[in-house]
Protein backbone atom coordinates (compact mmCIF):
# COMPACT_ATOMS: atom_id res chain seq x y z
CA MET A 1 0.00 0.00 0.00
CA ASN A 2 1.38 3.39 -0.97
CA LYS A 3 0.79 5.03 2.45
CA ARG A 4 3.10 2.51 4.06
CA LEU A 5 5.87 3.36 1.59
CA LEU A 6 5.45 7.01 2.50
CA GLU A 7 5.80 6.14 6.21
CA ILE A 8 9.02 4.24 5.51
CA ILE A 9 10.44 7.07 3.40
CA ALA A 10 9.54 9.62 6.09
CA TYR A 11 11.29 7.53 8.75
CA ALA A 12 14.41 7.08 6.59
CA MET A 13 14.53 10.82 5.79
CA LYS A 14 14.23 11.63 9.50
CA GLU A 15 17.21 9.38 10.19
CA ILE A 16 19.20 11.01 7.39
CA LYS A 17 18.46 14.50 8.73
CA GLU A 18 19.31 13.55 12.32
CA ASN A 19 22.58 11.78 11.51
CA SER A 20 25.48 12.47 9.24
CA ILE A 21 25.42 10.43 6.05
CA GLU A 22 28.49 8.51 7.23
CA ASN A 23 26.60 7.40 10.35
CA ILE A 24 23.50 6.09 8.58
CA ASP A 25 23.09 2.40 9.36
CA LEU A 26 20.73 0.98 6.75
CA GLN A 27 20.70 -2.41 8.46
CA PHE A 28 19.53 -0.78 11.71
CA ILE A 29 16.87 1.24 9.85
CA THR A 30 15.67 -1.95 8.14
CA GLU A 31 15.50 -3.81 11.46
CA VAL A 32 13.52 -0.99 13.10
CA LEU A 33 11.09 -0.92 10.18
CA LEU A 34 10.67 -4.71 10.25
CA GLU A 35 9.92 -4.49 13.99
CA ARG A 36 7.28 -1.85 13.21
CA GLY A 37 5.52 -4.36 10.96
CA PHE A 38 6.71 -3.33 7.51
CA SER A 39 7.53 -6.11 5.06
CA GLU A 40 10.91 -6.52 3.39
CA GLU A 41 9.19 -5.83 0.06
CA GLU A 42 7.79 -2.52 1.32
CA ILE A 43 11.16 -1.51 2.76
CA SER A 44 12.94 -2.42 -0.48
CA GLY A 45 10.43 -0.41 -2.51
CA ALA A 46 10.89 2.64 -0.29
CA MET A 47 14.68 2.34 -0.39
CA ALA A 48 14.57 2.07 -4.18
CA TRP A 49 12.54 5.29 -4.26
CA LEU A 50 15.10 7.00 -2.02
CA VAL A 51 17.99 5.83 -4.21
CA SER A 52 16.24 7.09 -7.34
CA HIS A 53 15.77 10.47 -5.62
CA GLY A 54 19.34 10.81 -4.41
CA GLU A 55 19.48 14.47 -5.40
CA THR A 56 16.86 15.16 -2.71
CA ILE A 57 19.03 13.54 -0.07
CA ASP A 58 22.13 15.36 -1.33
CA ARG A 59 20.20 18.67 -1.17
CA ILE A 60 19.14 17.98 2.44
CA ILE A 61 22.69 17.20 3.49
CA GLN A 62 24.05 20.29 1.73
CA LYS A 63 21.46 22.53 3.40
CA GLN A 64 22.34 21.06 6.78
CA LEU A 65 26.01 21.80 6.18
CA GLU A 66 25.21 25.36 5.09
CA GLY A 67 22.84 25.87 8.01
CA MET A 68 20.31 27.60 5.73
CA PRO A 69 16.81 27.71 7.21
CA ARG A 70 13.92 26.91 4.92
CA PRO A 71 11.62 29.88 4.36
CA VAL A 72 8.16 29.87 5.91
CA TRP A 73 5.44 28.70 3.58
CA ARG A 74 2.08 30.33 2.88
CA MET A 75 -1.14 30.04 4.87
CA LEU A 76 -4.20 28.27 3.50
CA ASN A 77 -7.05 30.37 2.14
CA GLU A 78 -10.64 29.84 3.35
CA THR A 79 -11.54 27.28 0.66
CA GLU A 80 -8.37 25.30 1.36
CA ARG A 81 -9.00 25.42 5.14
CA GLN A 82 -12.46 23.98 4.57
CA ALA A 83 -11.09 21.19 2.37
CA ILE A 84 -8.13 20.20 4.56
CA SER A 85 -8.32 19.43 8.28
CA PRO A 86 -5.75 21.20 10.49
CA GLU A 87 -4.20 17.82 11.35
CA ALA A 88 -3.84 16.89 7.68
CA TYR A 89 -2.25 20.26 6.87
CA SER A 90 0.15 19.86 9.80
CA TYR A 91 1.15 16.46 8.47
CA LEU A 92 1.66 17.93 4.99
CA PHE A 93 3.73 20.78 6.41
CA HIS A 94 5.79 18.32 8.50
CA LEU A 95 6.73 16.37 5.36
CA ARG A 96 7.71 19.63 3.69
CA GLU A 97 9.95 20.49 6.63
CA MET A 98 11.55 17.05 6.33
CA GLU A 99 12.15 17.96 2.66
CA LEU A 100 10.13 15.03 1.40
CA LEU A 101 7.96 17.57 -0.38
CA ASN A 102 9.00 20.65 -2.28
CA ASP A 103 6.82 23.74 -2.66
CA ASP A 104 5.48 22.61 -6.04
CA ASP A 105 4.43 19.26 -4.53
CA MET A 106 2.67 21.14 -1.72
CA GLU A 107 0.74 23.28 -4.20
CA THR A 108 -0.24 20.24 -6.25
CA ILE A 109 -1.42 18.35 -3.16
CA ILE A 110 -3.41 21.31 -1.82
CA GLU A 111 -5.00 21.90 -5.23
CA ARG A 112 -6.02 18.27 -5.54
CA ALA A 113 -7.32 18.22 -1.96
CA VAL A 114 -9.62 21.11 -2.79
CA ASN A 115 -10.72 19.56 -6.10
CA ILE A 116 -11.57 16.18 -4.56
CA LYS A 117 -14.41 17.96 -2.74
CA LEU A 118 -14.48 15.80 0.37
CA PRO A 119 -16.03 17.48 3.40
CA SER A 120 -12.56 17.70 4.99
CA LEU A 121 -9.46 15.64 4.25
CA ASP A 122 -8.15 13.90 7.34
CA ILE A 123 -4.62 12.59 7.87
CA GLU A 124 -5.34 9.23 6.22
CA ASP A 125 -6.80 10.89 3.14
CA MET A 126 -3.82 13.26 3.05
CA GLN A 127 -1.39 10.34 3.22
CA ASP A 128 -3.13 8.74 0.24
CA LEU A 129 -3.01 11.98 -1.71
CA ILE A 130 0.66 12.62 -0.85
CA ALA A 131 1.58 9.11 -1.92
CA ILE A 132 -0.18 9.65 -5.24
CA VAL A 133 1.76 12.84 -5.92
CA VAL A 134 5.16 12.11 -4.34
CA LEU A 135 5.47 8.42 -5.14
CA ASP A 136 3.95 9.06 -8.59
CA PHE A 137 1.37 6.30 -8.32
CA GLU A 138 -0.98 8.28 -10.48
CA ASN A 139 0.85 6.96 -13.53
CA ASN A 140 -0.29 3.49 -12.52
CA ALA A 141 -4.07 3.70 -12.15
CA SER A 142 -4.36 0.25 -10.61
CA GLU A 143 -2.24 1.33 -7.65
CA GLY A 144 -3.23 4.92 -7.16
CA TYR A 145 -5.63 7.63 -8.07
CA PHE A 146 -8.62 5.67 -9.34
CA GLN A 147 -8.56 3.34 -6.35
CA TYR A 148 -8.33 6.35 -4.03
CA THR A 149 -11.24 8.24 -5.56
CA ALA A 150 -13.46 5.18 -5.76
CA ASN A 151 -13.03 4.59 -2.03
CA HIS A 152 -13.30 8.19 -0.85
CA LEU A 153 -15.84 10.10 -2.91
CA PRO A 154 -18.94 11.27 -1.00
CA ASN A 155 -22.12 9.32 -1.63
């Protein structure tokens, strides 16, 4: 499930940010994730995504070395606040601060959240939507967008 991959990636990125790249112990990370109930297949899929997005990791490390703070991001307008619960927005913002999302990803996710027209996206819905955008599952309809909308549209 795509949400689980996002959880694994978020955990790995947190470890990368908190430790120097030389001190990252992938075996330890894998063991922790296995203990948390993730399968080896899920962990491998998330690690493959991380490897294919190595420039993101390099950018995070470089910013840490430079000590450059990330600028504050914009507030939601009234329509966006109605579409996205405060908890879901906090989760979205947290992933941005971890540098899993860039500003363009944030805009895309917020726009889609508004366009889905659910009463209010909660954290679970936000995780699904983030996975669709960040993990690019939308290109594979059987794993992403169409399954999401079929399960979440209002009656």
